[in-house]
Amino acid sequence: MTDSAGLRDQNTIMLYEFKSKAAGTVVMTGAVGDRMLGIIGRAPGPQGVFTPEQLGAAIEALQAAITVEKLALQQPTPDAQDKDDETSDTAGDAISLAQRALPLIELLSAARAAGKPVTWGV
C-alpha cells in the first residue's frame, strides 16, 4: 500500500517481475532484485528494460559476480580456524548469489538467443 505521498507502507514487500516474450517471468523480492540490478549496473527502480543488445553484458556481469563470491567463500577466515566443524558451516546455510541469480541468467539468456528484450516492473 502507499500513503498519500506515494511512499510504500513499511509492511509491504516489494517484488520485481522480470519478463520476456522469449521465456516467461522471474519474480524476486525487492532486496534481491535491487542487488541483481546493481550487479548489472542499473539503478534499482520500479520499471526498466534490457534491450537485446544489453543482455550479453548483463549476463556476464552476473556470472562475474558469482565467480567472485565463490572465490571469496573458498578463502578461509581467521574465525573459521578457531571454530568446530559443526559451527563453522553456518555459511553453507545461506542462499548463494548463484542460486538467486540463476533464474534471471536463464531468462536473460533465452531472451538474448531469441533477440527479445527483458522488462521489469514492481
PDB file of N, CA and C in Angstrom:
ATOM      1  N   MET A   1       0.828  -1.171   0.000  1.00  0.00           N
ATOM      2  CA  MET A   1       0.000   0.000   0.000  1.00  0.00           C
ATOM      3  C   MET A   1       0.873   1.235   0.000  1.00  0.00           C
ATOM      4  N   THR A   2       0.303   2.337  -0.500  1.00  0.00           N
ATOM      5  CA  THR A   2       1.023   3.599  -0.470  1.00  0.00           C
ATOM      6  C   THR A   2       0.213   4.613   0.287  1.00  0.00           C
ATOM      7  N   ASP A   3       0.910   5.582   0.905  1.00  0.00           N
ATOM      8  CA  ASP A   3       0.198   6.656   1.575  1.00  0.00           C
ATOM      9  C   ASP A   3      -0.028   7.789   0.578  1.00  0.00           C
ATOM     10  N   SER A   4      -0.581   8.908   1.024  1.00  0.00           N
ATOM     11  CA  SER A   4      -0.920   9.993   0.112  1.00  0.00           C
ATOM     12  C   SER A   4       0.309  10.609  -0.541  1.00  0.00           C
ATOM     13  N   ALA A   5       1.488  10.457   0.048  1.00  0.00           N
ATOM     14  CA  ALA A   5       2.712  10.995  -0.540  1.00  0.00           C
ATOM     15  C   ALA A   5       3.332  10.024  -1.533  1.00  0.00           C
ATOM     16  N   GLY A   6       2.726   8.847  -1.715  1.00  0.00           N
ATOM     17  CA  GLY A   6       3.238   7.872  -2.663  1.00  0.00           C
ATOM     18  C   GLY A   6       4.324   6.979  -2.090  1.00  0.00           C
ATOM     19  N   LEU A   7       4.515   6.994  -0.784  1.00  0.00           N
ATOM     20  CA  LEU A   7       5.541   6.161  -0.164  1.00  0.00           C
ATOM     21  C   LEU A   7       4.974   4.798   0.167  1.00  0.00           C
ATOM     22  N   ARG A   8       5.821   3.785   0.105  1.00  0.00           N
ATOM     23  CA  ARG A   8       5.386   2.420   0.405  1.00  0.00           C
ATOM     24  C   ARG A   8       5.208   2.231   1.904  1.00  0.00           C
ATOM     25  N   ASP A   9       4.201   1.465   2.254  1.00  0.00           N
ATOM     26  CA  ASP A   9       3.985   1.033   3.628  1.00  0.00           C
ATOM     27  C   ASP A   9       5.161   0.145   4.009  1.00  0.00           C
ATOM     28  N   GLN A  10       5.699   0.304   5.202  1.00  0.00           N
ATOM     29  CA  GLN A  10       6.859  -0.464   5.623  1.00  0.00           C
ATOM     30  C   GLN A  10       6.566  -1.956   5.709  1.00  0.00           C
ATOM     31  N   ASN A  11       5.315  -2.355   5.814  1.00  0.00           N
ATOM     32  CA  ASN A  11       4.960  -3.767   5.903  1.00  0.00           C
ATOM     33  C   ASN A  11       4.748  -4.412   4.535  1.00  0.00           C
ATOM     34  N   THR A  12       4.785  -3.619   3.472  1.00  0.00           N
ATOM     35  CA  THR A  12       4.581  -4.131   2.133  1.00  0.00           C
ATOM     36  C   THR A  12       5.900  -4.668   1.587  1.00  0.00           C
ATOM     37  N   ILE A  13       5.871  -5.863   1.028  1.00  0.00           N
ATOM     38  CA  ILE A  13       7.053  -6.448   0.417  1.00  0.00           C
ATOM     39  C   ILE A  13       7.014  -6.142  -1.070  1.00  0.00           C
ATOM     40  N   MET A  14       8.046  -5.481  -1.546  1.00  0.00           N
ATOM     41  CA  MET A  14       8.132  -5.159  -2.960  1.00  0.00           C
ATOM     42  C   MET A  14       8.653  -6.382  -3.709  1.00  0.00           C
ATOM     43  N   LEU A  15       8.087  -6.642  -4.869  1.00  0.00           N
ATOM     44  CA  LEU A  15       8.521  -7.741  -5.726  1.00  0.00           C
ATOM     45  C   LEU A  15       8.878  -7.188  -7.097  1.00  0.00           C
ATOM     46  N   TYR A  16       9.941  -7.708  -7.654  1.00  0.00           N
ATOM     47  CA  TYR A  16      10.305  -7.416  -9.047  1.00  0.00           C
ATOM     48  C   TYR A  16       9.811  -8.554  -9.911  1.00  0.00           C
ATOM     49  N   GLU A  17       9.261  -8.201 -11.073  1.00  0.00           N
ATOM     50  CA  GLU A  17       8.901  -9.186 -12.086  1.00  0.00           C
ATOM     51  C   GLU A  17       9.747  -8.894 -13.320  1.00  0.00           C
ATOM     52  N   PHE A  18      10.637  -9.816 -13.654  1.00  0.00           N
ATOM     53  CA  PHE A  18      11.432  -9.722 -14.873  1.00  0.00           C
ATOM     54  C   PHE A  18      10.711 -10.570 -15.906  1.00  0.00           C
ATOM     55  N   LYS A  19      10.415  -9.970 -17.091  1.00  0.00           N
ATOM     56  CA  LYS A  19       9.610 -10.669 -18.097  1.00  0.00           C
ATOM     57  C   LYS A  19      10.252 -10.587 -19.476  1.00  0.00           C
ATOM     58  N   SER A  20      10.019 -11.626 -20.254  1.00  0.00           N
ATOM     59  CA  SER A  20      10.413 -11.629 -21.656  1.00  0.00           C
ATOM     60  C   SER A  20       9.465 -12.533 -22.429  1.00  0.00           C
ATOM     61  N   LYS A  21       9.147 -12.122 -23.645  1.00  0.00           N
ATOM     62  CA  LYS A  21       8.316 -12.967 -24.503  1.00  0.00           C
ATOM     63  C   LYS A  21       9.053 -14.238 -24.895  1.00  0.00           C
ATOM     64  N   ALA A  22      10.363 -14.248 -24.715  1.00  0.00           N
ATOM     65  CA  ALA A  22      11.163 -15.417 -25.084  1.00  0.00           C
ATOM     66  C   ALA A  22      11.131 -16.514 -24.033  1.00  0.00           C
ATOM     67  N   ALA A  23      10.798 -16.159 -22.771  1.00  0.00           N
ATOM     68  CA  ALA A  23      10.936 -17.180 -21.729  1.00  0.00           C
ATOM     69  C   ALA A  23       9.828 -17.177 -20.691  1.00  0.00           C
ATOM     70  N   GLY A  24       9.383 -16.085 -20.252  1.00  0.00           N
ATOM     71  CA  GLY A  24       8.393 -16.064 -19.180  1.00  0.00           C
ATOM     72  C   GLY A  24       8.736 -15.012 -18.156  1.00  0.00           C
ATOM     73  N   THR A  25       8.501 -15.344 -16.887  1.00  0.00           N
ATOM     74  CA  THR A  25       8.650 -14.374 -15.807  1.00  0.00           C
ATOM     75  C   THR A  25       9.493 -14.945 -14.680  1.00  0.00           C
ATOM     76  N   VAL A  26      10.355 -14.095 -14.129  1.00  0.00           N
ATOM     77  CA  VAL A  26      11.116 -14.415 -12.930  1.00  0.00           C
ATOM     78  C   VAL A  26      10.733 -13.373 -11.885  1.00  0.00           C
ATOM     79  N   VAL A  27      10.321 -13.833 -10.709  1.00  0.00           N
ATOM     80  CA  VAL A  27       9.910 -12.939  -9.626  1.00  0.00           C
ATOM     81  C   VAL A  27      10.957 -12.991  -8.517  1.00  0.00           C
ATOM     82  N   MET A  28      11.330 -11.801  -8.027  1.00  0.00           N
ATOM     83  CA  MET A  28      12.309 -11.685  -6.938  1.00  0.00           C
ATOM     84  C   MET A  28      11.815 -10.661  -5.937  1.00  0.00           C
ATOM     85  N   THR A  29      12.204 -10.852  -4.679  1.00  0.00           N
ATOM     86  CA  THR A  29      11.883  -9.833  -3.678  1.00  0.00           C
ATOM     87  C   THR A  29      12.647  -8.555  -4.022  1.00  0.00           C
ATOM     88  N   GLY A  30      12.201  -7.458  -3.462  1.00  0.00           N
ATOM     89  CA  GLY A  30      12.812  -6.172  -3.751  1.00  0.00           C
ATOM     90  C   GLY A  30      14.298  -6.129  -3.466  1.00  0.00           C
ATOM     91  N   ALA A  31      14.714  -6.662  -2.322  1.00  0.00           N
ATOM     92  CA  ALA A  31      16.127  -6.620  -1.950  1.00  0.00           C
ATOM     93  C   ALA A  31      16.982  -7.427  -2.926  1.00  0.00           C
ATOM     94  N   VAL A  32      16.504  -8.594  -3.330  1.00  0.00           N
ATOM     95  CA  VAL A  32      17.256  -9.434  -4.264  1.00  0.00           C
ATOM     96  C   VAL A  32      17.271  -8.780  -5.648  1.00  0.00           C
ATOM     97  N   GLY A  33      16.134  -8.281  -6.086  1.00  0.00           N
ATOM     98  CA  GLY A  33      16.069  -7.590  -7.379  1.00  0.00           C
ATOM     99  C   GLY A  33      16.972  -6.365  -7.414  1.00  0.00           C
ATOM    100  N   ASP A  34      16.985  -5.605  -6.313  1.00  0.00           N
ATOM    101  CA  ASP A  34      17.883  -4.447  -6.231  1.00  0.00           C
ATOM    102  C   ASP A  34      19.331  -4.886  -6.388  1.00  0.00           C
ATOM    103  N   ARG A  35      19.691  -5.985  -5.728  1.00  0.00           N
ATOM    104  CA  ARG A  35      21.069  -6.494  -5.799  1.00  0.00           C
ATOM    105  C   ARG A  35      21.409  -6.914  -7.221  1.00  0.00           C
ATOM    106  N   MET A  36      20.509  -7.626  -7.890  1.00  0.00           N
ATOM    107  CA  MET A  36      20.770  -8.074  -9.257  1.00  0.00           C
ATOM    108  C   MET A  36      20.947  -6.882 -10.188  1.00  0.00           C
ATOM    109  N   LEU A  37      20.060  -5.903 -10.067  1.00  0.00           N
ATOM    110  CA  LEU A  37      20.174  -4.723 -10.920  1.00  0.00           C
ATOM    111  C   LEU A  37      21.472  -3.969 -10.643  1.00  0.00           C
ATOM    112  N   GLY A  38      21.857  -3.877  -9.377  1.00  0.00           N
ATOM    113  CA  GLY A  38      23.114  -3.220  -9.025  1.00  0.00           C
ATOM    114  C   GLY A  38      24.320  -3.920  -9.629  1.00  0.00           C
ATOM    115  N   ILE A  39      24.329  -5.235  -9.584  1.00  0.00           N
ATOM    116  CA  ILE A  39      25.423  -6.013 -10.180  1.00  0.00           C
ATOM    117  C   ILE A  39      25.508  -5.752 -11.679  1.00  0.00           C
ATOM    118  N   ILE A  40      24.355  -5.654 -12.306  1.00  0.00           N
ATOM    119  CA  ILE A  40      24.293  -5.449 -13.752  1.00  0.00           C
ATOM    120  C   ILE A  40      24.654  -4.002 -14.116  1.00  0.00           C
ATOM    121  N   GLY A  41      24.614  -3.115 -13.126  1.00  0.00           N
ATOM    122  CA  GLY A  41      24.953  -1.720 -13.389  1.00  0.00           C
ATOM    123  C   GLY A  41      23.757  -0.826 -13.623  1.00  0.00           C
ATOM    124  N   ARG A  42      22.610  -1.277 -13.191  1.00  0.00           N
ATOM    125  CA  ARG A  42      21.381  -0.493 -13.323  1.00  0.00           C
ATOM    126  C   ARG A  42      20.939  -0.010 -11.953  1.00  0.00           C
ATOM    127  N   ALA A  43      20.416   1.184 -11.910  1.00  0.00           N
ATOM    128  CA  ALA A  43      19.848   1.696 -10.668  1.00  0.00           C
ATOM    129  C   ALA A  43      18.528   0.976 -10.416  1.00  0.00           C
ATOM    130  N   PRO A  44      18.329   0.481  -9.184  1.00  0.00           N
ATOM    131  CA  PRO A  44      17.041  -0.135  -8.879  1.00  0.00           C
ATOM    132  C   PRO A  44      15.914   0.864  -9.125  1.00  0.00           C
ATOM    133  N   GLY A  45      14.840   0.393  -9.698  1.00  0.00           N
ATOM    134  CA  GLY A  45      13.715   1.270  -9.983  1.00  0.00           C
ATOM    135  C   GLY A  45      12.466   0.477 -10.243  1.00  0.00           C
ATOM    136  N   PRO A  46      11.343   1.167 -10.300  1.00  0.00           N
ATOM    137  CA  PRO A  46      10.062   0.475 -10.436  1.00  0.00           C
ATOM    138  C   PRO A  46       9.852  -0.187 -11.791  1.00  0.00           C
ATOM    139  N   GLN A  47      10.590   0.240 -12.814  1.00  0.00           N
ATOM    140  CA  GLN A  47      10.456  -0.405 -14.114  1.00  0.00           C
ATOM    141  C   GLN A  47      11.676  -0.109 -14.972  1.00  0.00           C
ATOM    142  N   GLY A  48      11.873  -0.953 -15.949  1.00  0.00           N
ATOM    143  CA  GLY A  48      13.002  -0.765 -16.852  1.00  0.00           C
ATOM    144  C   GLY A  48      13.017  -1.830 -17.915  1.00  0.00           C
ATOM    145  N   VAL A  49      14.023  -1.739 -18.773  1.00  0.00           N
ATOM    146  CA  VAL A  49      14.140  -2.688 -19.883  1.00  0.00           C
ATOM    147  C   VAL A  49      15.616  -2.928 -20.190  1.00  0.00           C
ATOM    148  N   PHE A  50      15.914  -4.175 -20.524  1.00  0.00           N
ATOM    149  CA  PHE A  50      17.194  -4.546 -21.104  1.00  0.00           C
ATOM    150  C   PHE A  50      16.917  -4.823 -22.573  1.00  0.00           C
ATOM    151  N   THR A  51      17.583  -4.108 -23.452  1.00  0.00           N
ATOM    152  CA  THR A  51      17.424  -4.373 -24.872  1.00  0.00           C
ATOM    153  C   THR A  51      18.213  -5.635 -25.222  1.00  0.00           C
ATOM    154  N   PRO A  52      17.904  -6.264 -26.338  1.00  0.00           N
ATOM    155  CA  PRO A  52      18.661  -7.464 -26.717  1.00  0.00           C
ATOM    156  C   PRO A  52      20.170  -7.210 -26.766  1.00  0.00           C
ATOM    157  N   GLU A  53      20.571  -6.006 -27.152  1.00  0.00           N
ATOM    158  CA  GLU A  53      21.988  -5.673 -27.239  1.00  0.00           C
ATOM    159  C   GLU A  53      22.650  -5.586 -25.861  1.00  0.00           C
ATOM    160  N   GLN A  54      21.890  -5.322 -24.828  1.00  0.00           N
ATOM    161  CA  GLN A  54      22.422  -5.176 -23.471  1.00  0.00           C
ATOM    162  C   GLN A  54      22.474  -6.492 -22.696  1.00  0.00           C
ATOM    163  N   LEU A  55      21.838  -7.515 -23.212  1.00  0.00           N
ATOM    164  CA  LEU A  55      21.700  -8.759 -22.461  1.00  0.00           C
ATOM    165  C   LEU A  55      23.024  -9.485 -22.236  1.00  0.00           C
ATOM    166  N   GLY A  56      23.903  -9.475 -23.221  1.00  0.00           N
ATOM    167  CA  GLY A  56      25.191 -10.155 -23.071  1.00  0.00           C
ATOM    168  C   GLY A  56      25.998  -9.578 -21.913  1.00  0.00           C
ATOM    169  N   ALA A  57      26.071  -8.261 -21.827  1.00  0.00           N
ATOM    170  CA  ALA A  57      26.813  -7.615 -20.744  1.00  0.00           C
ATOM    171  C   ALA A  57      26.155  -7.885 -19.396  1.00  0.00           C
ATOM    172  N   ALA A  58      24.827  -7.937 -19.358  1.00  0.00           N
ATOM    173  CA  ALA A  58      24.114  -8.216 -18.108  1.00  0.00           C
ATOM    174  C   ALA A  58      24.418  -9.630 -17.619  1.00  0.00           C
ATOM    175  N   ILE A  59      24.407 -10.585 -18.530  1.00  0.00           N
ATOM    176  CA  ILE A  59      24.710 -11.978 -18.182  1.00  0.00           C
ATOM    177  C   ILE A  59      26.141 -12.086 -17.678  1.00  0.00           C
ATOM    178  N   GLU A  60      27.070 -11.461 -18.390  1.00  0.00           N
ATOM    179  CA  GLU A  60      28.483 -11.508 -17.996  1.00  0.00           C
ATOM    180  C   GLU A  60      28.700 -10.886 -16.621  1.00  0.00           C
ATOM    181  N   ALA A  61      28.018  -9.789 -16.321  1.00  0.00           N
ATOM    182  CA  ALA A  61      28.166  -9.139 -15.013  1.00  0.00           C
ATOM    183  C   ALA A  61      27.690 -10.051 -13.888  1.00  0.00           C
ATOM    184  N   LEU A  62      26.561 -10.703 -14.089  1.00  0.00           N
ATOM    185  CA  LEU A  62      26.054 -11.623 -13.070  1.00  0.00           C
ATOM    186  C   LEU A  62      26.993 -12.817 -12.887  1.00  0.00           C
ATOM    187  N   GLN A  63      27.476 -13.373 -13.993  1.00  0.00           N
ATOM    188  CA  GLN A  63      28.384 -14.513 -13.905  1.00  0.00           C
ATOM    189  C   GLN A  63      29.700 -14.141 -13.235  1.00  0.00           C
ATOM    190  N   ALA A  64      30.211 -12.939 -13.510  1.00  0.00           N
ATOM    191  CA  ALA A  64      31.446 -12.480 -12.874  1.00  0.00           C
ATOM    192  C   ALA A  64      31.248 -12.312 -11.370  1.00  0.00           C
ATOM    193  N   ALA A  65      30.105 -11.765 -10.958  1.00  0.00           N
ATOM    194  CA  ALA A  65      29.819 -11.591  -9.533  1.00  0.00           C
ATOM    195  C   ALA A  65      29.703 -12.945  -8.829  1.00  0.00           C
ATOM    196  N   ILE A  66      29.134 -13.913  -9.503  1.00  0.00           N
ATOM    197  CA  ILE A  66      29.031 -15.261  -8.938  1.00  0.00           C
ATOM    198  C   ILE A  66      30.425 -15.847  -8.733  1.00  0.00           C
ATOM    199  N   THR A  67      31.291 -15.681  -9.714  1.00  0.00           N
ATOM    200  CA  THR A  67      32.664 -16.183  -9.609  1.00  0.00           C
ATOM    201  C   THR A  67      33.393 -15.529  -8.446  1.00  0.00           C
ATOM    202  N   VAL A  68      33.246 -14.225  -8.295  1.00  0.00           N
ATOM    203  CA  VAL A  68      33.888 -13.508  -7.191  1.00  0.00           C
ATOM    204  C   VAL A  68      33.378 -14.034  -5.850  1.00  0.00           C
ATOM    205  N   GLU A  69      32.067 -14.232  -5.730  1.00  0.00           N
ATOM    206  CA  GLU A  69      31.519 -14.744  -4.482  1.00  0.00           C
ATOM    207  C   GLU A  69      32.038 -16.155  -4.185  1.00  0.00           C
ATOM    208  N   LYS A  70      32.087 -17.006  -5.189  1.00  0.00           N
ATOM    209  CA  LYS A  70      32.576 -18.372  -4.977  1.00  0.00           C
ATOM    210  C   LYS A  70      34.027 -18.366  -4.513  1.00  0.00           C
ATOM    211  N   LEU A  71      34.850 -17.517  -5.104  1.00  0.00           N
ATOM    212  CA  LEU A  71      36.250 -17.424  -4.691  1.00  0.00           C
ATOM    213  C   LEU A  71      36.370 -16.899  -3.263  1.00  0.00           C
ATOM    214  N   ALA A  72      35.547 -15.927  -2.920  1.00  0.00           N
ATOM    215  CA  ALA A  72      35.581 -15.369  -1.566  1.00  0.00           C
ATOM    216  C   ALA A  72      35.169 -16.410  -0.532  1.00  0.00           C
ATOM    217  N   LEU A  73      34.206 -17.246  -0.869  1.00  0.00           N
ATOM    218  CA  LEU A  73      33.747 -18.272   0.062  1.00  0.00           C
ATOM    219  C   LEU A  73      34.777 -19.385   0.246  1.00  0.00           C
ATOM    220  N   GLN A  74      35.662 -19.553  -0.722  1.00  0.00           N
ATOM    221  CA  GLN A  74      36.700 -20.579  -0.619  1.00  0.00           C
ATOM    222  C   GLN A  74      37.862 -20.141   0.266  1.00  0.00           C
ATOM    223  N   GLN A  75      37.989 -18.834   0.499  1.00  0.00           N
ATOM    224  CA  GLN A  75      39.079 -18.322   1.319  1.00  0.00           C
ATOM    225  C   GLN A  75      38.752 -18.544   2.792  1.00  0.00           C
ATOM    226  N   PRO A  76      39.670 -19.148   3.550  1.00  0.00           N
ATOM    227  CA  PRO A  76      39.412 -19.348   4.984  1.00  0.00           C
ATOM    228  C   PRO A  76      39.455 -18.009   5.725  1.00  0.00           C
ATOM    229  N   THR A  77      38.571 -17.864   6.683  1.00  0.00           N
ATOM    230  CA  THR A  77      38.576 -16.669   7.517  1.00  0.00           C
ATOM    231  C   THR A  77      39.293 -16.987   8.815  1.00  0.00           C
ATOM    232  N   PRO A  78      39.902 -16.005   9.465  1.00  0.00           N
ATOM    233  CA  PRO A  78      40.599 -16.276  10.725  1.00  0.00           C
ATOM    234  C   PRO A  78      39.684 -16.891  11.779  1.00  0.00           C
ATOM    235  N   ASP A  79      38.425 -16.487  11.828  1.00  0.00           N
ATOM    236  CA  ASP A  79      37.483 -17.026  12.803  1.00  0.00           C
ATOM    237  C   ASP A  79      37.169 -18.496  12.545  1.00  0.00           C
ATOM    238  N   ALA A  80      37.159 -18.907  11.284  1.00  0.00           N
ATOM    239  CA  ALA A  80      36.781 -20.278  10.944  1.00  0.00           C
ATOM    240  C   ALA A  80      37.786 -21.291  11.491  1.00  0.00           C
ATOM    241  N   GLN A  81      39.029 -20.891  11.635  1.00  0.00           N
ATOM    242  CA  GLN A  81      40.041 -21.807  12.146  1.00  0.00           C
ATOM    243  C   GLN A  81      39.854 -22.084  13.629  1.00  0.00           C
ATOM    244  N   ASP A  82      39.218 -21.184  14.337  1.00  0.00           N
ATOM    245  CA  ASP A  82      39.025 -21.330  15.782  1.00  0.00           C
ATOM    246  C   ASP A  82      37.749 -22.071  16.145  1.00  0.00           C
ATOM    247  N   LYS A  83      36.867 -22.326  15.181  1.00  0.00           N
ATOM    248  CA  LYS A  83      35.566 -22.927  15.475  1.00  0.00           C
ATOM    249  C   LYS A  83      35.563 -24.410  15.163  1.00  0.00           C
ATOM    250  N   ASP A  84      34.617 -25.114  15.770  1.00  0.00           N
ATOM    251  CA  ASP A  84      34.414 -26.534  15.455  1.00  0.00           C
ATOM    252  C   ASP A  84      33.865 -26.663  14.055  1.00  0.00           C
ATOM    253  N   ASP A  85      33.994 -27.850  13.466  1.00  0.00           N
ATOM    254  CA  ASP A  85      33.431 -28.102  12.142  1.00  0.00           C
ATOM    255  C   ASP A  85      31.926 -27.901  12.132  1.00  0.00           C
ATOM    256  N   GLU A  86      31.260 -28.242  13.226  1.00  0.00           N
ATOM    257  CA  GLU A  86      29.801 -28.113  13.293  1.00  0.00           C
ATOM    258  C   GLU A  86      29.363 -26.658  13.220  1.00  0.00           C
ATOM    259  N   THR A  87      30.069 -25.758  13.846  1.00  0.00           N
ATOM    260  CA  THR A  87      29.644 -24.366  13.879  1.00  0.00           C
ATOM    261  C   THR A  87      30.195 -23.551  12.728  1.00  0.00           C
ATOM    262  N   SER A  88      31.266 -23.966  12.101  1.00  0.00           N
ATOM    263  CA  SER A  88      31.856 -23.173  11.024  1.00  0.00           C
ATOM    264  C   SER A  88      31.125 -23.358   9.701  1.00  0.00           C
ATOM    265  N   ASP A  89      30.147 -24.235   9.616  1.00  0.00           N
ATOM    266  CA  ASP A  89      29.435 -24.500   8.377  1.00  0.00           C
ATOM    267  C   ASP A  89      28.159 -23.669   8.245  1.00  0.00           C
ATOM    268  N   THR A  90      27.956 -22.681   9.096  1.00  0.00           N
ATOM    269  CA  THR A  90      26.728 -21.898   9.021  1.00  0.00           C
ATOM    270  C   THR A  90      26.621 -21.108   7.731  1.00  0.00           C
ATOM    271  N   ALA A  91      27.755 -20.723   7.116  1.00  0.00           N
ATOM    272  CA  ALA A  91      27.696 -20.000   5.847  1.00  0.00           C
ATOM    273  C   ALA A  91      27.098 -20.880   4.754  1.00  0.00           C
ATOM    274  N   GLY A  92      27.215 -22.180   4.875  1.00  0.00           N
ATOM    275  CA  GLY A  92      26.645 -23.086   3.892  1.00  0.00           C
ATOM    276  C   GLY A  92      25.133 -23.078   3.884  1.00  0.00           C
ATOM    277  N   ASP A  93      24.530 -22.568   4.929  1.00  0.00           N
ATOM    278  CA  ASP A  93      23.076 -22.488   5.003  1.00  0.00           C
ATOM    279  C   ASP A  93      22.522 -21.277   4.256  1.00  0.00           C
ATOM    280  N   ALA A  94      23.362 -20.303   3.953  1.00  0.00           N
ATOM    281  CA  ALA A  94      22.917 -19.087   3.278  1.00  0.00           C
ATOM    282  C   ALA A  94      22.628 -19.383   1.808  1.00  0.00           C
ATOM    283  N   ILE A  95      21.734 -18.603   1.226  1.00  0.00           N
ATOM    284  CA  ILE A  95      21.420 -18.752  -0.189  1.00  0.00           C
ATOM    285  C   ILE A  95      22.464 -17.964  -0.969  1.00  0.00           C
ATOM    286  N   SER A  96      23.157 -18.641  -1.851  1.00  0.00           N
ATOM    287  CA  SER A  96      24.249 -18.010  -2.588  1.00  0.00           C
ATOM    288  C   SER A  96      23.720 -17.113  -3.707  1.00  0.00           C
ATOM    289  N   LEU A  97      24.607 -16.248  -4.164  1.00  0.00           N
ATOM    290  CA  LEU A  97      24.283 -15.399  -5.305  1.00  0.00           C
ATOM    291  C   LEU A  97      23.966 -16.262  -6.525  1.00  0.00           C
ATOM    292  N   ALA A  98      24.715 -17.336  -6.708  1.00  0.00           N
ATOM    293  CA  ALA A  98      24.472 -18.210  -7.851  1.00  0.00           C
ATOM    294  C   ALA A  98      23.044 -18.763  -7.832  1.00  0.00           C
ATOM    295  N   GLN A  99      22.584 -19.180  -6.647  1.00  0.00           N
ATOM    296  CA  GLN A  99      21.227 -19.712  -6.544  1.00  0.00           C
ATOM    297  C   GLN A  99      20.189 -18.638  -6.831  1.00  0.00           C
ATOM    298  N   ARG A 100      20.429 -17.442  -6.375  1.00  0.00           N
ATOM    299  CA  ARG A 100      19.463 -16.358  -6.601  1.00  0.00           C
ATOM    300  C   ARG A 100      19.486 -15.856  -8.038  1.00  0.00           C
ATOM    301  N   ALA A 101      20.666 -15.835  -8.655  1.00  0.00           N
ATOM    302  CA  ALA A 101      20.807 -15.241  -9.983  1.00  0.00           C
ATOM    303  C   ALA A 101      20.489 -16.203 -11.122  1.00  0.00           C
ATOM    304  N   LEU A 102      20.595 -17.500 -10.896  1.00  0.00           N
ATOM    305  CA  LEU A 102      20.422 -18.465 -11.983  1.00  0.00           C
ATOM    306  C   LEU A 102      19.105 -18.302 -12.749  1.00  0.00           C
ATOM    307  N   PRO A 103      17.963 -18.161 -12.095  1.00  0.00           N
ATOM    308  CA  PRO A 103      16.727 -17.984 -12.882  1.00  0.00           C
ATOM    309  C   PRO A 103      16.771 -16.733 -13.768  1.00  0.00           C
ATOM    310  N   LEU A 104      17.364 -15.651 -13.262  1.00  0.00           N
ATOM    311  CA  LEU A 104      17.462 -14.431 -14.060  1.00  0.00           C
ATOM    312  C   LEU A 104      18.439 -14.627 -15.217  1.00  0.00           C
ATOM    313  N   ILE A 105      19.560 -15.293 -14.962  1.00  0.00           N
ATOM    314  CA  ILE A 105      20.524 -15.563 -16.034  1.00  0.00           C
ATOM    315  C   ILE A 105      19.872 -16.408 -17.128  1.00  0.00           C
ATOM    316  N   GLU A 106      19.084 -17.402 -16.739  1.00  0.00           N
ATOM    317  CA  GLU A 106      18.395 -18.242 -17.722  1.00  0.00           C
ATOM    318  C   GLU A 106      17.401 -17.427 -18.545  1.00  0.00           C
ATOM    319  N   LEU A 107      16.667 -16.526 -17.895  1.00  0.00           N
ATOM    320  CA  LEU A 107      15.725 -15.664 -18.601  1.00  0.00           C
ATOM    321  C   LEU A 107      16.463 -14.743 -19.570  1.00  0.00           C
ATOM    322  N   LEU A 108      17.533 -14.107 -19.095  1.00  0.00           N
ATOM    323  CA  LEU A 108      18.307 -13.203 -19.946  1.00  0.00           C
ATOM    324  C   LEU A 108      18.913 -13.957 -21.129  1.00  0.00           C
ATOM    325  N   SER A 109      19.398 -15.169 -20.891  1.00  0.00           N
ATOM    326  CA  SER A 109      19.997 -15.975 -21.957  1.00  0.00           C
ATOM    327  C   SER A 109      18.972 -16.365 -23.019  1.00  0.00           C
ATOM    328  N   ALA A 110      17.793 -16.773 -22.582  1.00  0.00           N
ATOM    329  CA  ALA A 110      16.731 -17.139 -23.531  1.00  0.00           C
ATOM    330  C   ALA A 110      16.305 -15.932 -24.355  1.00  0.00           C
ATOM    331  N   ALA A 111      16.185 -14.786 -23.706  1.00  0.00           N
ATOM    332  CA  ALA A 111      15.802 -13.563 -24.417  1.00  0.00           C
ATOM    333  C   ALA A 111      16.885 -13.162 -25.418  1.00  0.00           C
ATOM    334  N   ARG A 112      18.133 -13.301 -25.000  1.00  0.00           N
ATOM    335  CA  ARG A 112      19.247 -12.967 -25.899  1.00  0.00           C
ATOM    336  C   ARG A 112      19.228 -13.867 -27.128  1.00  0.00           C
ATOM    337  N   ALA A 113      19.036 -15.159 -26.926  1.00  0.00           N
ATOM    338  CA  ALA A 113      19.006 -16.106 -28.043  1.00  0.00           C
ATOM    339  C   ALA A 113      17.863 -15.802 -29.010  1.00  0.00           C
ATOM    340  N   ALA A 114      16.747 -15.314 -28.473  1.00  0.00           N
ATOM    341  CA  ALA A 114      15.574 -15.008 -29.299  1.00  0.00           C
ATOM    342  C   ALA A 114      15.581 -13.574 -29.818  1.00  0.00           C
ATOM    343  N   GLY A 115      16.539 -12.770 -29.361  1.00  0.00           N
ATOM    344  CA  GLY A 115      16.586 -11.372 -29.788  1.00  0.00           C
ATOM    345  C   GLY A 115      15.456 -10.538 -29.220  1.00  0.00           C
ATOM    346  N   LYS A 116      14.988 -10.895 -28.029  1.00  0.00           N
ATOM    347  CA  LYS A 116      13.867 -10.196 -27.389  1.00  0.00           C
ATOM    348  C   LYS A 116      14.346  -9.406 -26.170  1.00  0.00           C
ATOM    349  N   PRO A 117      13.682  -8.317 -25.832  1.00  0.00           N
ATOM    350  CA  PRO A 117      14.048  -7.564 -24.645  1.00  0.00           C
ATOM    351  C   PRO A 117      13.537  -8.239 -23.363  1.00  0.00           C
ATOM    352  N   VAL A 118      14.076  -7.791 -22.244  1.00  0.00           N
ATOM    353  CA  VAL A 118      13.596  -8.206 -20.925  1.00  0.00           C
ATOM    354  C   VAL A 118      13.166  -6.932 -20.223  1.00  0.00           C
ATOM    355  N   THR A 119      11.950  -6.939 -19.699  1.00  0.00           N
ATOM    356  CA  THR A 119      11.447  -5.787 -18.947  1.00  0.00           C
ATOM    357  C   THR A 119      11.314  -6.165 -17.492  1.00  0.00           C
ATOM    358  N   TRP A 120      11.289  -5.144 -16.635  1.00  0.00           N
ATOM    359  CA  TRP A 120      10.993  -5.421 -15.237  1.00  0.00           C
ATOM    360  C   TRP A 120      10.076  -4.356 -14.711  1.00  0.00           C
ATOM    361  N   GLY A 121       9.336  -4.746 -13.700  1.00  0.00           N
ATOM    362  CA  GLY A 121       8.431  -3.837 -13.024  1.00  0.00           C
ATOM    363  C   GLY A 121       8.187  -4.345 -11.608  1.00  0.00           C
ATOM    364  N   VAL A 122       7.679  -3.460 -10.772  1.00  0.00           N
ATOM    365  CA  VAL A 122       7.364  -3.845  -9.389  1.00  0.00           C
ATOM    366  C   VAL A 122       5.870  -3.777  -9.180  1.00  0.00           C
TER     367      VAL A 122
END
